Amino acid sequence: MKKAFKRLVILVIILTLIFAGIFAYNKVLKSVYPIKYSEYVEQYAAEFNLDPAVIYAVIKCESSFDPNAESGLGAKGLMQLMPDAFSWAKTKYNGYTGETDLTDPQTNIKYGCLVLKLHYDEFGDYKTAVIAYHAGRGSVNAWLKNPAYSSDGKTLDHIPYADTESYANRVMNTVQTYKNIYDFEKEVDDNV
């Protein structure tokens, strides 16, 4: 009887340690892959019909959630918008376009999401939209016309810029990580 009780206590201790380890692991993952600025992400994900996991992944990969981030090329804010992309997006928005501060989280997320949505609508999937977000829609359109990069003119078989390919893979892997950690209602398309 004492051996059975001792085994039961050991089993309970082991199970407690396993569950504590899983909880700690999830807590660490959530600190590495945070959900910040959720009020804006959720607002513009709904407005532009985007998967919030994609938005969080772009923000994570672009700025690591630093609203004051600025690239050497001049991209600014959470979603690292270039001033010319910001100006272009403002012409596509059906509402107030007086915003000027790319480091303002709401403004940056709003127009970053709009750019993603415009690319998604044009190219039909999140991965190609992310590629266009990084390399520009003109580059993606040129690659789609080139049989060296696209066999069907609709999907990219090869991305000629190694940094863009790396970026797209990193974002899409981060999307999957966010989906594994958090419970997102919308599904990411089959290119994740």
C-alpha atoms as a PDB file:
ATOM      1  CA  MET A   1       0.000   0.000   0.000  1.00  0.00           C
ATOM      2  CA  LYS A   2       2.816   2.387   0.875  1.00  0.00           C
ATOM      3  CA  LYS A   3       4.542   1.684  -2.467  1.00  0.00           C
ATOM      4  CA  ALA A   4       1.342   2.428  -4.386  1.00  0.00           C
ATOM      5  CA  PHE A   5       0.868   5.703  -2.471  1.00  0.00           C
ATOM      6  CA  LYS A   6       4.515   6.647  -3.047  1.00  0.00           C
ATOM      7  CA  ARG A   7       4.131   5.963  -6.785  1.00  0.00           C
ATOM      8  CA  LEU A   8       0.941   8.026  -6.896  1.00  0.00           C
ATOM      9  CA  VAL A   9       2.697  10.951  -5.169  1.00  0.00           C
ATOM     10  CA  ILE A  10       5.618  10.706  -7.610  1.00  0.00           C
ATOM     11  CA  LEU A  11       3.185  10.605 -10.541  1.00  0.00           C
ATOM     12  CA  VAL A  12       1.339  13.670  -9.225  1.00  0.00           C
ATOM     13  CA  ILE A  13       4.656  15.515  -8.807  1.00  0.00           C
ATOM     14  CA  ILE A  14       5.765  14.587 -12.330  1.00  0.00           C
ATOM     15  CA  LEU A  15       2.430  15.673 -13.831  1.00  0.00           C
ATOM     16  CA  THR A  16       2.566  18.933 -11.875  1.00  0.00           C
ATOM     17  CA  LEU A  17       6.071  19.621 -13.199  1.00  0.00           C
ATOM     18  CA  ILE A  18       4.998  18.831 -16.759  1.00  0.00           C
ATOM     19  CA  PHE A  19       2.009  21.186 -16.565  1.00  0.00           C
ATOM     20  CA  ALA A  20       4.140  23.893 -14.917  1.00  0.00           C
ATOM     21  CA  GLY A  21       6.709  23.499 -17.693  1.00  0.00           C
ATOM     22  CA  ILE A  22       4.043  23.794 -20.388  1.00  0.00           C
ATOM     23  CA  PHE A  23       2.626  26.891 -18.695  1.00  0.00           C
ATOM     24  CA  ALA A  24       6.092  28.473 -18.414  1.00  0.00           C
ATOM     25  CA  TYR A  25       6.871  27.618 -22.038  1.00  0.00           C
ATOM     26  CA  ASN A  26       3.628  29.242 -23.220  1.00  0.00           C
ATOM     27  CA  LYS A  27       4.355  32.294 -21.089  1.00  0.00           C
ATOM     28  CA  VAL A  28       7.808  32.627 -22.652  1.00  0.00           C
ATOM     29  CA  LEU A  29       6.366  32.198 -26.156  1.00  0.00           C
ATOM     30  CA  LYS A  30       3.790  34.908 -25.490  1.00  0.00           C
ATOM     31  CA  SER A  31       6.524  37.276 -24.325  1.00  0.00           C
ATOM     32  CA  VAL A  32       8.569  36.606 -27.480  1.00  0.00           C
ATOM     33  CA  TYR A  33       5.477  36.805 -29.734  1.00  0.00           C
ATOM     34  CA  PRO A  34       3.334  39.436 -28.003  1.00  0.00           C
ATOM     35  CA  ILE A  35      -0.086  40.771 -28.810  1.00  0.00           C
ATOM     36  CA  LYS A  36       0.396  44.541 -28.570  1.00  0.00           C
ATOM     37  CA  TYR A  37      -1.716  47.359 -29.996  1.00  0.00           C
ATOM     38  CA  SER A  38      -4.546  44.845 -30.201  1.00  0.00           C
ATOM     39  CA  GLU A  39      -7.256  47.523 -30.267  1.00  0.00           C
ATOM     40  CA  TYR A  40      -5.818  48.863 -33.548  1.00  0.00           C
ATOM     41  CA  VAL A  41      -4.914  45.476 -35.000  1.00  0.00           C
ATOM     42  CA  GLU A  42      -8.405  44.139 -34.353  1.00  0.00           C
ATOM     43  CA  GLN A  43     -10.065  47.334 -35.631  1.00  0.00           C
ATOM     44  CA  TYR A  44      -8.187  47.375 -38.939  1.00  0.00           C
ATOM     45  CA  ALA A  45      -8.190  43.598 -39.355  1.00  0.00           C
ATOM     46  CA  ALA A  46     -11.979  43.836 -39.250  1.00  0.00           C
ATOM     47  CA  GLU A  47     -12.178  46.965 -41.429  1.00  0.00           C
ATOM     48  CA  PHE A  48      -9.931  45.529 -44.135  1.00  0.00           C
ATOM     49  CA  ASN A  49     -10.940  41.872 -43.669  1.00  0.00           C
ATOM     50  CA  LEU A  50      -7.417  40.726 -42.837  1.00  0.00           C
ATOM     51  CA  ASP A  51      -6.186  37.921 -40.633  1.00  0.00           C
ATOM     52  CA  PRO A  52      -4.912  39.535 -37.401  1.00  0.00           C
ATOM     53  CA  ALA A  53      -2.147  36.908 -37.167  1.00  0.00           C
ATOM     54  CA  VAL A  54      -0.693  38.265 -40.416  1.00  0.00           C
ATOM     55  CA  ILE A  55      -0.750  41.818 -39.051  1.00  0.00           C
ATOM     56  CA  TYR A  56       0.940  40.794 -35.800  1.00  0.00           C
ATOM     57  CA  ALA A  57       3.541  38.822 -37.760  1.00  0.00           C
ATOM     58  CA  VAL A  58       4.359  41.786 -40.012  1.00  0.00           C
ATOM     59  CA  ILE A  59       4.686  44.080 -36.988  1.00  0.00           C
ATOM     60  CA  LYS A  60       6.856  41.521 -35.165  1.00  0.00           C
ATOM     61  CA  CYS A  61       9.142  41.022 -38.164  1.00  0.00           C
ATOM     62  CA  GLU A  62       9.268  44.681 -39.198  1.00  0.00           C
ATOM     63  CA  SER A  63       9.744  46.518 -35.890  1.00  0.00           C
ATOM     64  CA  SER A  64       9.443  44.086 -32.982  1.00  0.00           C
ATOM     65  CA  PHE A  65       6.578  46.324 -31.822  1.00  0.00           C
ATOM     66  CA  ASP A  66       8.714  49.477 -31.606  1.00  0.00           C
ATOM     67  CA  PRO A  67       6.526  52.389 -32.799  1.00  0.00           C
ATOM     68  CA  ASN A  68       9.614  54.584 -33.232  1.00  0.00           C
ATOM     69  CA  ALA A  69      11.530  52.106 -35.384  1.00  0.00           C
ATOM     70  CA  GLU A  70      13.091  53.577 -38.511  1.00  0.00           C
ATOM     71  CA  SER A  71      15.010  51.684 -41.174  1.00  0.00           C
ATOM     72  CA  GLY A  72      18.092  52.936 -42.954  1.00  0.00           C
ATOM     73  CA  LEU A  73      15.897  53.367 -46.045  1.00  0.00           C
ATOM     74  CA  GLY A  74      13.395  55.587 -44.224  1.00  0.00           C
ATOM     75  CA  ALA A  75      10.615  53.118 -43.400  1.00  0.00           C
ATOM     76  CA  LYS A  76       8.940  54.133 -40.152  1.00  0.00           C
ATOM     77  CA  GLY A  77       6.819  52.832 -37.339  1.00  0.00           C
ATOM     78  CA  LEU A  78       5.396  49.505 -36.300  1.00  0.00           C
ATOM     79  CA  MET A  79       4.744  48.216 -39.819  1.00  0.00           C
ATOM     80  CA  GLN A  80       7.752  50.036 -41.325  1.00  0.00           C
ATOM     81  CA  LEU A  81       5.900  52.031 -43.942  1.00  0.00           C
ATOM     82  CA  MET A  82       7.884  54.025 -46.455  1.00  0.00           C
ATOM     83  CA  PRO A  83       6.645  57.612 -46.815  1.00  0.00           C
ATOM     84  CA  ASP A  84       5.751  57.059 -50.492  1.00  0.00           C
ATOM     85  CA  ALA A  85       3.751  53.902 -49.656  1.00  0.00           C
ATOM     86  CA  PHE A  86       2.010  55.882 -46.903  1.00  0.00           C
ATOM     87  CA  SER A  87       1.121  58.669 -49.366  1.00  0.00           C
ATOM     88  CA  TRP A  88      -0.124  56.111 -51.908  1.00  0.00           C
ATOM     89  CA  ALA A  89      -2.227  54.318 -49.283  1.00  0.00           C
ATOM     90  CA  LYS A  90      -3.811  57.577 -48.147  1.00  0.00           C
ATOM     91  CA  THR A  91      -5.088  58.134 -51.694  1.00  0.00           C
ATOM     92  CA  LYS A  92      -6.758  54.698 -51.561  1.00  0.00           C
ATOM     93  CA  TYR A  93      -8.479  55.223 -48.207  1.00  0.00           C
ATOM     94  CA  ASN A  94     -12.118  56.323 -48.223  1.00  0.00           C
ATOM     95  CA  GLY A  95     -11.986  58.570 -45.222  1.00  0.00           C
ATOM     96  CA  TYR A  96      -9.909  61.092 -43.373  1.00  0.00           C
ATOM     97  CA  THR A  97      -6.381  61.201 -44.758  1.00  0.00           C
ATOM     98  CA  GLY A  98      -4.899  64.075 -42.784  1.00  0.00           C
ATOM     99  CA  GLU A  99      -2.664  61.764 -40.738  1.00  0.00           C
ATOM    100  CA  THR A 100       1.015  62.579 -41.109  1.00  0.00           C
ATOM    101  CA  ASP A 101       2.828  60.822 -38.250  1.00  0.00           C
ATOM    102  CA  LEU A 102       4.049  57.366 -39.276  1.00  0.00           C
ATOM    103  CA  THR A 103       5.272  56.720 -35.733  1.00  0.00           C
ATOM    104  CA  ASP A 104       1.713  57.020 -34.378  1.00  0.00           C
ATOM    105  CA  PRO A 105       0.699  53.375 -33.764  1.00  0.00           C
ATOM    106  CA  GLN A 106      -2.891  53.777 -34.939  1.00  0.00           C
ATOM    107  CA  THR A 107      -1.928  55.621 -38.114  1.00  0.00           C
ATOM    108  CA  ASN A 108       0.865  53.182 -38.935  1.00  0.00           C
ATOM    109  CA  ILE A 109      -1.266  50.093 -38.364  1.00  0.00           C
ATOM    110  CA  LYS A 110      -4.202  51.581 -40.295  1.00  0.00           C
ATOM    111  CA  TYR A 111      -2.187  52.316 -43.423  1.00  0.00           C
ATOM    112  CA  GLY A 112       0.054  49.264 -43.097  1.00  0.00           C
ATOM    113  CA  CYS A 113      -3.094  47.140 -43.049  1.00  0.00           C
ATOM    114  CA  LEU A 114      -4.498  49.027 -46.014  1.00  0.00           C
ATOM    115  CA  VAL A 115      -1.315  48.372 -48.009  1.00  0.00           C
ATOM    116  CA  LEU A 116      -1.470  44.667 -47.057  1.00  0.00           C
ATOM    117  CA  LYS A 117      -5.140  44.532 -48.072  1.00  0.00           C
ATOM    118  CA  LEU A 118      -4.486  46.194 -51.427  1.00  0.00           C
ATOM    119  CA  HIS A 119      -1.677  43.718 -52.109  1.00  0.00           C
ATOM    120  CA  TYR A 120      -3.821  40.801 -50.946  1.00  0.00           C
ATOM    121  CA  ASP A 121      -6.664  41.872 -53.234  1.00  0.00           C
ATOM    122  CA  GLU A 122      -4.283  42.267 -56.164  1.00  0.00           C
ATOM    123  CA  PHE A 123      -2.312  39.048 -55.739  1.00  0.00           C
ATOM    124  CA  GLY A 124      -4.846  36.777 -54.019  1.00  0.00           C
ATOM    125  CA  ASP A 125      -2.825  35.308 -51.156  1.00  0.00           C
ATOM    126  CA  TYR A 126      -1.020  36.483 -48.032  1.00  0.00           C
ATOM    127  CA  LYS A 127       2.435  35.282 -48.981  1.00  0.00           C
ATOM    128  CA  THR A 128       2.491  37.200 -52.269  1.00  0.00           C
ATOM    129  CA  ALA A 129       0.966  40.206 -50.481  1.00  0.00           C
ATOM    130  CA  VAL A 130       3.812  40.052 -47.947  1.00  0.00           C
ATOM    131  CA  ILE A 131       6.349  39.781 -50.769  1.00  0.00           C
ATOM    132  CA  ALA A 132       4.833  42.886 -52.383  1.00  0.00           C
ATOM    133  CA  TYR A 133       4.816  44.629 -48.993  1.00  0.00           C
ATOM    134  CA  HIS A 134       8.580  44.095 -48.836  1.00  0.00           C
ATOM    135  CA  ALA A 135       9.728  44.393 -52.454  1.00  0.00           C
ATOM    136  CA  GLY A 136       6.950  46.518 -53.924  1.00  0.00           C
ATOM    137  CA  ARG A 137       4.008  45.595 -56.108  1.00  0.00           C
ATOM    138  CA  GLY A 138       5.850  46.675 -59.262  1.00  0.00           C
ATOM    139  CA  SER A 139       8.594  44.141 -58.585  1.00  0.00           C
ATOM    140  CA  VAL A 140       6.070  41.387 -57.915  1.00  0.00           C
ATOM    141  CA  ASN A 141       4.144  42.185 -61.096  1.00  0.00           C
ATOM    142  CA  ALA A 142       7.393  42.078 -63.110  1.00  0.00           C
ATOM    143  CA  TRP A 143       8.374  38.747 -61.537  1.00  0.00           C
ATOM    144  CA  LEU A 144       4.960  37.253 -62.278  1.00  0.00           C
ATOM    145  CA  LYS A 145       5.429  38.132 -65.969  1.00  0.00           C
ATOM    146  CA  ASN A 146       8.858  36.506 -66.056  1.00  0.00           C
ATOM    147  CA  PRO A 147       8.833  32.705 -66.651  1.00  0.00           C
ATOM    148  CA  ALA A 148      12.090  32.447 -64.704  1.00  0.00           C
ATOM    149  CA  TYR A 149      10.136  33.408 -61.568  1.00  0.00           C
ATOM    150  CA  SER A 150       6.563  32.342 -62.309  1.00  0.00           C
ATOM    151  CA  SER A 151       5.426  29.403 -64.421  1.00  0.00           C
ATOM    152  CA  ASP A 152       1.785  30.476 -64.495  1.00  0.00           C
ATOM    153  CA  GLY A 153       1.897  34.264 -64.178  1.00  0.00           C
ATOM    154  CA  LYS A 154      -0.149  34.087 -60.973  1.00  0.00           C
ATOM    155  CA  THR A 155       2.156  32.572 -58.361  1.00  0.00           C
ATOM    156  CA  LEU A 156       5.823  33.041 -57.690  1.00  0.00           C
ATOM    157  CA  ASP A 157       7.938  29.916 -58.042  1.00  0.00           C
ATOM    158  CA  HIS A 158      11.104  31.809 -57.190  1.00  0.00           C
ATOM    159  CA  ILE A 159      11.838  35.187 -55.586  1.00  0.00           C
ATOM    160  CA  PRO A 160      14.949  36.766 -57.123  1.00  0.00           C
ATOM    161  CA  TYR A 161      15.776  38.853 -54.027  1.00  0.00           C
ATOM    162  CA  ALA A 162      17.211  36.679 -51.244  1.00  0.00           C
ATOM    163  CA  ASP A 163      16.299  39.243 -48.585  1.00  0.00           C
ATOM    164  CA  THR A 164      12.686  39.352 -49.788  1.00  0.00           C
ATOM    165  CA  GLU A 165      12.474  35.556 -49.841  1.00  0.00           C
ATOM    166  CA  SER A 166      13.907  35.413 -46.326  1.00  0.00           C
ATOM    167  CA  TYR A 167      11.516  38.125 -45.156  1.00  0.00           C
ATOM    168  CA  ALA A 168       8.447  36.414 -46.657  1.00  0.00           C
ATOM    169  CA  ASN A 169       9.388  33.069 -45.109  1.00  0.00           C
ATOM    170  CA  ARG A 170      10.056  34.709 -41.738  1.00  0.00           C
ATOM    171  CA  VAL A 171       6.690  36.511 -41.775  1.00  0.00           C
ATOM    172  CA  MET A 172       4.741  33.417 -42.819  1.00  0.00           C
ATOM    173  CA  ASN A 173       6.485  31.284 -40.168  1.00  0.00           C
ATOM    174  CA  THR A 174       5.694  33.972 -37.619  1.00  0.00           C
ATOM    175  CA  VAL A 175       2.045  33.929 -38.717  1.00  0.00           C
ATOM    176  CA  GLN A 176       1.963  30.207 -38.002  1.00  0.00           C
ATOM    177  CA  THR A 177       3.629  30.723 -34.626  1.00  0.00           C
ATOM    178  CA  TYR A 178       1.026  33.348 -33.688  1.00  0.00           C
ATOM    179  CA  LYS A 179      -1.742  30.979 -34.757  1.00  0.00           C
ATOM    180  CA  ASN A 180      -0.218  28.194 -32.649  1.00  0.00           C
ATOM    181  CA  ILE A 181       0.056  30.387 -29.554  1.00  0.00           C
ATOM    182  CA  TYR A 182      -3.169  32.388 -29.760  1.00  0.00           C
ATOM    183  CA  ASP A 183      -6.733  31.570 -30.727  1.00  0.00           C
ATOM    184  CA  PHE A 184      -7.452  33.560 -33.879  1.00  0.00           C
ATOM    185  CA  GLU A 185     -10.914  33.158 -35.369  1.00  0.00           C
ATOM    186  CA  LYS A 186      -9.950  33.816 -38.995  1.00  0.00           C
ATOM    187  CA  GLU A 187      -7.991  31.269 -40.928  1.00  0.00           C
ATOM    188  CA  VAL A 188      -4.876  32.126 -42.917  1.00  0.00           C
ATOM    189  CA  ASP A 189      -5.018  31.045 -46.545  1.00  0.00           C
ATOM    190  CA  ASP A 190      -3.221  27.925 -47.741  1.00  0.00           C
ATOM    191  CA  ASN A 191       0.056  29.730 -48.370  1.00  0.00           C
ATOM    192  CA  VAL A 192       1.068  29.691 -44.708  1.00  0.00           C
END
